[in-house]
Amino acid sequence: MGTRDMQTAGVFLARYRIGNQRPGSKAFELNVLVGTAAKTIAGQGRVSQDGDSAVNIQSMIAGEYQYQYGIKTCHIMLELKGNHPFPGVPPVGLDMQNISASILLNEGWKTGIASYRYKEKDGNWVDVESQPVQLLEVKQDARFQQQAAG
């Protein structure tokens, strides 16, 4: 699926990996649906890290994107927020947000750079800066188009 196809797809599924892929480093994986008409993003995310300081943060992701044009370049800026998955309606006053991310992708949606933060179980936020982003998979499916239209 090329850049032009992604911009006009209506809805497409994208899977990204954020992180440097070194042993013991943090990895942020995103599986999201991108709606091109409203420039919205929704899906799931997971921050993980193996080793002594193991991390496993799962989140329901939502956000928006916009194009940023330069003289010779075009980038896509994604602003995402994530909430801890909760069965049913969460209690009133409970802060469910556990991830916040800013991702700058190249015009082809394939690579970029990201900074994100996640909330640990103790409530402290951890910042992760300037991480490489790589598109692992993209799909356009007629079922997505039918659901978006209906």
C-alpha atoms as a PDB file:
ATOM      1  CA  MET A   1       0.000   0.000   0.000  1.00  0.00           C
ATOM      2  CA  GLY A   2       1.675   3.205  -1.177  1.00  0.00           C
ATOM      3  CA  THR A   3       1.595   6.679   0.343  1.00  0.00           C
ATOM      4  CA  ARG A   4      -1.139   7.960  -1.970  1.00  0.00           C
ATOM      5  CA  ASP A   5      -3.224   4.842  -1.234  1.00  0.00           C
ATOM      6  CA  MET A   6      -2.859   5.390   2.507  1.00  0.00           C
ATOM      7  CA  GLN A   7      -3.949   9.026   2.230  1.00  0.00           C
ATOM      8  CA  THR A   8      -7.104   8.115   0.289  1.00  0.00           C
ATOM      9  CA  ALA A   9      -7.871   4.702   1.824  1.00  0.00           C
ATOM     10  CA  GLY A  10     -10.716   5.846   4.067  1.00  0.00           C
ATOM     11  CA  VAL A  11      -9.638   3.435   6.790  1.00  0.00           C
ATOM     12  CA  PHE A  12      -6.525   1.310   7.108  1.00  0.00           C
ATOM     13  CA  LEU A  13      -4.927  -0.842   9.779  1.00  0.00           C
ATOM     14  CA  ALA A  14      -1.315  -0.082  10.740  1.00  0.00           C
ATOM     15  CA  ARG A  15       1.078  -1.837  13.099  1.00  0.00           C
ATOM     16  CA  TYR A  16       4.119   0.069  14.388  1.00  0.00           C
ATOM     17  CA  ARG A  17       7.102  -0.666  16.607  1.00  0.00           C
ATOM     18  CA  ILE A  18       8.650   2.208  18.527  1.00  0.00           C
ATOM     19  CA  GLY A  19      12.072   1.639  20.056  1.00  0.00           C
ATOM     20  CA  ASN A  20      15.644   0.768  19.172  1.00  0.00           C
ATOM     21  CA  GLN A  21      15.200  -3.040  19.363  1.00  0.00           C
ATOM     22  CA  ARG A  22      18.262  -3.580  21.561  1.00  0.00           C
ATOM     23  CA  PRO A  23      18.050  -6.353  24.177  1.00  0.00           C
ATOM     24  CA  GLY A  24      16.579  -5.027  27.423  1.00  0.00           C
ATOM     25  CA  SER A  25      15.309  -1.776  25.881  1.00  0.00           C
ATOM     26  CA  LYS A  26      11.721  -0.574  25.995  1.00  0.00           C
ATOM     27  CA  ALA A  27       9.432  -1.292  23.052  1.00  0.00           C
ATOM     28  CA  PHE A  28       6.114   0.395  22.291  1.00  0.00           C
ATOM     29  CA  GLU A  29       3.911  -1.523  19.860  1.00  0.00           C
ATOM     30  CA  LEU A  30       0.857   0.063  18.272  1.00  0.00           C
ATOM     31  CA  ASN A  31      -1.981  -1.658  16.404  1.00  0.00           C
ATOM     32  CA  VAL A  32      -4.277   1.092  15.161  1.00  0.00           C
ATOM     33  CA  LEU A  33      -7.042   1.880  12.708  1.00  0.00           C
ATOM     34  CA  VAL A  34      -6.452   5.134  10.860  1.00  0.00           C
ATOM     35  CA  GLY A  35      -9.484   7.028   9.552  1.00  0.00           C
ATOM     36  CA  THR A  36      -8.350   9.366   6.798  1.00  0.00           C
ATOM     37  CA  ALA A  37     -11.603  11.347   6.449  1.00  0.00           C
ATOM     38  CA  ALA A  38     -11.624  12.596  10.053  1.00  0.00           C
ATOM     39  CA  LYS A  39      -7.844  12.115  10.567  1.00  0.00           C
ATOM     40  CA  THR A  40      -8.453   9.944  13.625  1.00  0.00           C
ATOM     41  CA  ILE A  41      -6.594   6.998  15.118  1.00  0.00           C
ATOM     42  CA  ALA A  42      -7.898   4.296  17.455  1.00  0.00           C
ATOM     43  CA  GLY A  43      -6.579   0.948  18.609  1.00  0.00           C
ATOM     44  CA  GLN A  44      -4.318  -0.725  21.137  1.00  0.00           C
ATOM     45  CA  GLY A  45      -0.821  -0.113  22.404  1.00  0.00           C
ATOM     46  CA  ARG A  46       1.628  -1.942  24.610  1.00  0.00           C
ATOM     47  CA  VAL A  47       4.840  -0.761  26.236  1.00  0.00           C
ATOM     48  CA  SER A  48       7.109  -3.605  27.277  1.00  0.00           C
ATOM     49  CA  GLN A  49      10.603  -4.248  28.535  1.00  0.00           C
ATOM     50  CA  ASP A  50      12.237  -7.529  29.452  1.00  0.00           C
ATOM     51  CA  GLY A  51      14.770  -7.990  32.201  1.00  0.00           C
ATOM     52  CA  ASP A  52      15.109  -6.989  35.838  1.00  0.00           C
ATOM     53  CA  SER A  53      12.952  -3.881  35.465  1.00  0.00           C
ATOM     54  CA  ALA A  54      10.164  -5.577  33.482  1.00  0.00           C
ATOM     55  CA  VAL A  55       7.457  -3.330  32.039  1.00  0.00           C
ATOM     56  CA  ASN A  56       4.109  -4.401  30.600  1.00  0.00           C
ATOM     57  CA  ILE A  57       1.684  -1.508  30.076  1.00  0.00           C
ATOM     58  CA  GLN A  58      -1.380  -2.108  27.902  1.00  0.00           C
ATOM     59  CA  SER A  59      -3.564   0.716  26.671  1.00  0.00           C
ATOM     60  CA  MET A  60      -6.560   1.589  24.526  1.00  0.00           C
ATOM     61  CA  ILE A  61      -5.229   4.258  22.151  1.00  0.00           C
ATOM     62  CA  ALA A  62      -7.077   7.201  20.577  1.00  0.00           C
ATOM     63  CA  GLY A  63      -5.882  10.341  18.870  1.00  0.00           C
ATOM     64  CA  GLU A  64      -5.556  12.462  15.783  1.00  0.00           C
ATOM     65  CA  TYR A  65      -3.037  13.226  13.099  1.00  0.00           C
ATOM     66  CA  GLN A  66      -2.241  16.157  10.862  1.00  0.00           C
ATOM     67  CA  TYR A  67       0.060  16.818   7.956  1.00  0.00           C
ATOM     68  CA  GLN A  68       2.964  19.211   8.475  1.00  0.00           C
ATOM     69  CA  TYR A  69       4.327  20.664   5.273  1.00  0.00           C
ATOM     70  CA  GLY A  70       7.831  22.030   4.759  1.00  0.00           C
ATOM     71  CA  ILE A  71       9.356  23.515   1.631  1.00  0.00           C
ATOM     72  CA  LYS A  72      10.362  20.120   0.235  1.00  0.00           C
ATOM     73  CA  THR A  73       8.963  17.675   2.752  1.00  0.00           C
ATOM     74  CA  CYS A  74       5.739  16.503   4.307  1.00  0.00           C
ATOM     75  CA  HIS A  75       5.481  14.779   7.675  1.00  0.00           C
ATOM     76  CA  ILE A  76       2.572  13.333   9.609  1.00  0.00           C
ATOM     77  CA  MET A  77       2.232  14.294  13.290  1.00  0.00           C
ATOM     78  CA  LEU A  78       0.295  11.851  15.480  1.00  0.00           C
ATOM     79  CA  GLU A  79      -0.878  12.886  18.945  1.00  0.00           C
ATOM     80  CA  LEU A  80      -2.083   9.884  20.921  1.00  0.00           C
ATOM     81  CA  LYS A  81      -3.462   9.247  24.389  1.00  0.00           C
ATOM     82  CA  GLY A  82      -4.009   5.851  25.948  1.00  0.00           C
ATOM     83  CA  ASN A  83      -6.187   4.622  28.759  1.00  0.00           C
ATOM     84  CA  HIS A  84      -5.846   1.509  30.853  1.00  0.00           C
ATOM     85  CA  PRO A  85      -8.318  -1.098  29.525  1.00  0.00           C
ATOM     86  CA  PHE A  86     -11.248  -1.369  31.928  1.00  0.00           C
ATOM     87  CA  PRO A  87     -14.205  -3.751  31.609  1.00  0.00           C
ATOM     88  CA  GLY A  88     -17.366  -1.668  31.730  1.00  0.00           C
ATOM     89  CA  VAL A  89     -17.499   1.910  32.966  1.00  0.00           C
ATOM     90  CA  PRO A  90     -14.570   3.013  35.172  1.00  0.00           C
ATOM     91  CA  PRO A  91     -15.373   4.511  38.578  1.00  0.00           C
ATOM     92  CA  VAL A  92     -15.997   8.266  38.570  1.00  0.00           C
ATOM     93  CA  GLY A  93     -12.859  10.262  39.280  1.00  0.00           C
ATOM     94  CA  LEU A  94     -10.444   7.453  38.444  1.00  0.00           C
ATOM     95  CA  ASP A  95      -7.673   8.643  36.109  1.00  0.00           C
ATOM     96  CA  MET A  96      -7.343   5.887  33.522  1.00  0.00           C
ATOM     97  CA  GLN A  97      -4.776   7.585  31.271  1.00  0.00           C
ATOM     98  CA  ASN A  98      -1.551   5.582  31.145  1.00  0.00           C
ATOM     99  CA  ILE A  99       0.150   6.574  27.858  1.00  0.00           C
ATOM    100  CA  SER A 100       0.744   9.787  25.936  1.00  0.00           C
ATOM    101  CA  ALA A 101       2.681   9.859  22.656  1.00  0.00           C
ATOM    102  CA  SER A 102       3.839  12.296  19.972  1.00  0.00           C
ATOM    103  CA  ILE A 103       4.944  10.596  16.771  1.00  0.00           C
ATOM    104  CA  LEU A 104       6.403  12.300  13.703  1.00  0.00           C
ATOM    105  CA  LEU A 105       6.260  10.073  10.615  1.00  0.00           C
ATOM    106  CA  ASN A 106       7.704  10.581   7.168  1.00  0.00           C
ATOM    107  CA  GLU A 107       5.343  11.224   4.272  1.00  0.00           C
ATOM    108  CA  GLY A 108       5.093   7.513   3.521  1.00  0.00           C
ATOM    109  CA  TRP A 109       3.884   6.632   7.053  1.00  0.00           C
ATOM    110  CA  LYS A 110       6.746   4.078   7.239  1.00  0.00           C
ATOM    111  CA  THR A 111       9.381   5.514   9.569  1.00  0.00           C
ATOM    112  CA  GLY A 112       9.780   8.370  11.972  1.00  0.00           C
ATOM    113  CA  ILE A 113      10.610   9.384  15.498  1.00  0.00           C
ATOM    114  CA  ALA A 114       8.533   9.310  18.675  1.00  0.00           C
ATOM    115  CA  SER A 115       8.548  10.512  22.239  1.00  0.00           C
ATOM    116  CA  TYR A 116       6.127   8.989  24.686  1.00  0.00           C
ATOM    117  CA  ARG A 117       5.410   8.618  28.354  1.00  0.00           C
ATOM    118  CA  TYR A 118       3.720   5.891  30.302  1.00  0.00           C
ATOM    119  CA  LYS A 119       2.409   5.575  33.833  1.00  0.00           C
ATOM    120  CA  GLU A 120       3.884   2.875  36.040  1.00  0.00           C
ATOM    121  CA  LYS A 121       1.765   0.917  38.521  1.00  0.00           C
ATOM    122  CA  ASP A 122       2.875   3.257  41.322  1.00  0.00           C
ATOM    123  CA  GLY A 123       1.482   6.268  39.409  1.00  0.00           C
ATOM    124  CA  ASN A 124       4.833   7.753  38.372  1.00  0.00           C
ATOM    125  CA  TRP A 125       5.268   8.782  34.751  1.00  0.00           C
ATOM    126  CA  VAL A 126       8.299   7.610  32.761  1.00  0.00           C
ATOM    127  CA  ASP A 127       9.434   9.662  29.740  1.00  0.00           C
ATOM    128  CA  VAL A 128      10.976   7.947  26.711  1.00  0.00           C
ATOM    129  CA  GLU A 129      12.441  10.394  24.176  1.00  0.00           C
ATOM    130  CA  SER A 130      13.510  10.314  20.526  1.00  0.00           C
ATOM    131  CA  GLN A 131      12.785   6.689  19.688  1.00  0.00           C
ATOM    132  CA  PRO A 132      12.792   5.336  16.112  1.00  0.00           C
ATOM    133  CA  VAL A 133       9.439   4.320  14.626  1.00  0.00           C
ATOM    134  CA  GLN A 134       8.994   1.575  12.067  1.00  0.00           C
ATOM    135  CA  LEU A 135       5.871   0.468  10.217  1.00  0.00           C
ATOM    136  CA  LEU A 136       5.649  -3.321  10.506  1.00  0.00           C
ATOM    137  CA  GLU A 137       2.434  -3.935   8.614  1.00  0.00           C
ATOM    138  CA  VAL A 138      -0.364  -2.062   6.875  1.00  0.00           C
ATOM    139  CA  LYS A 139      -3.661  -3.473   5.626  1.00  0.00           C
ATOM    140  CA  GLN A 140      -6.611  -2.112   3.793  1.00  0.00           C
ATOM    141  CA  ASP A 141      -9.645  -4.333   4.029  1.00  0.00           C
ATOM    142  CA  ALA A 142     -13.041  -3.960   2.384  1.00  0.00           C
ATOM    143  CA  ARG A 143     -14.688  -4.712   5.761  1.00  0.00           C
ATOM    144  CA  PHE A 144     -13.102  -1.560   7.211  1.00  0.00           C
ATOM    145  CA  GLN A 145     -14.490   0.494   4.326  1.00  0.00           C
ATOM    146  CA  GLN A 146     -18.002  -0.930   4.804  1.00  0.00           C
ATOM    147  CA  GLN A 147     -17.970  -0.214   8.543  1.00  0.00           C
ATOM    148  CA  ALA A 148     -16.668   3.325   8.006  1.00  0.00           C
ATOM    149  CA  ALA A 149     -19.351   4.031   5.392  1.00  0.00           C
ATOM    150  CA  GLY A 150     -22.222   2.512   7.393  1.00  0.00           C
END
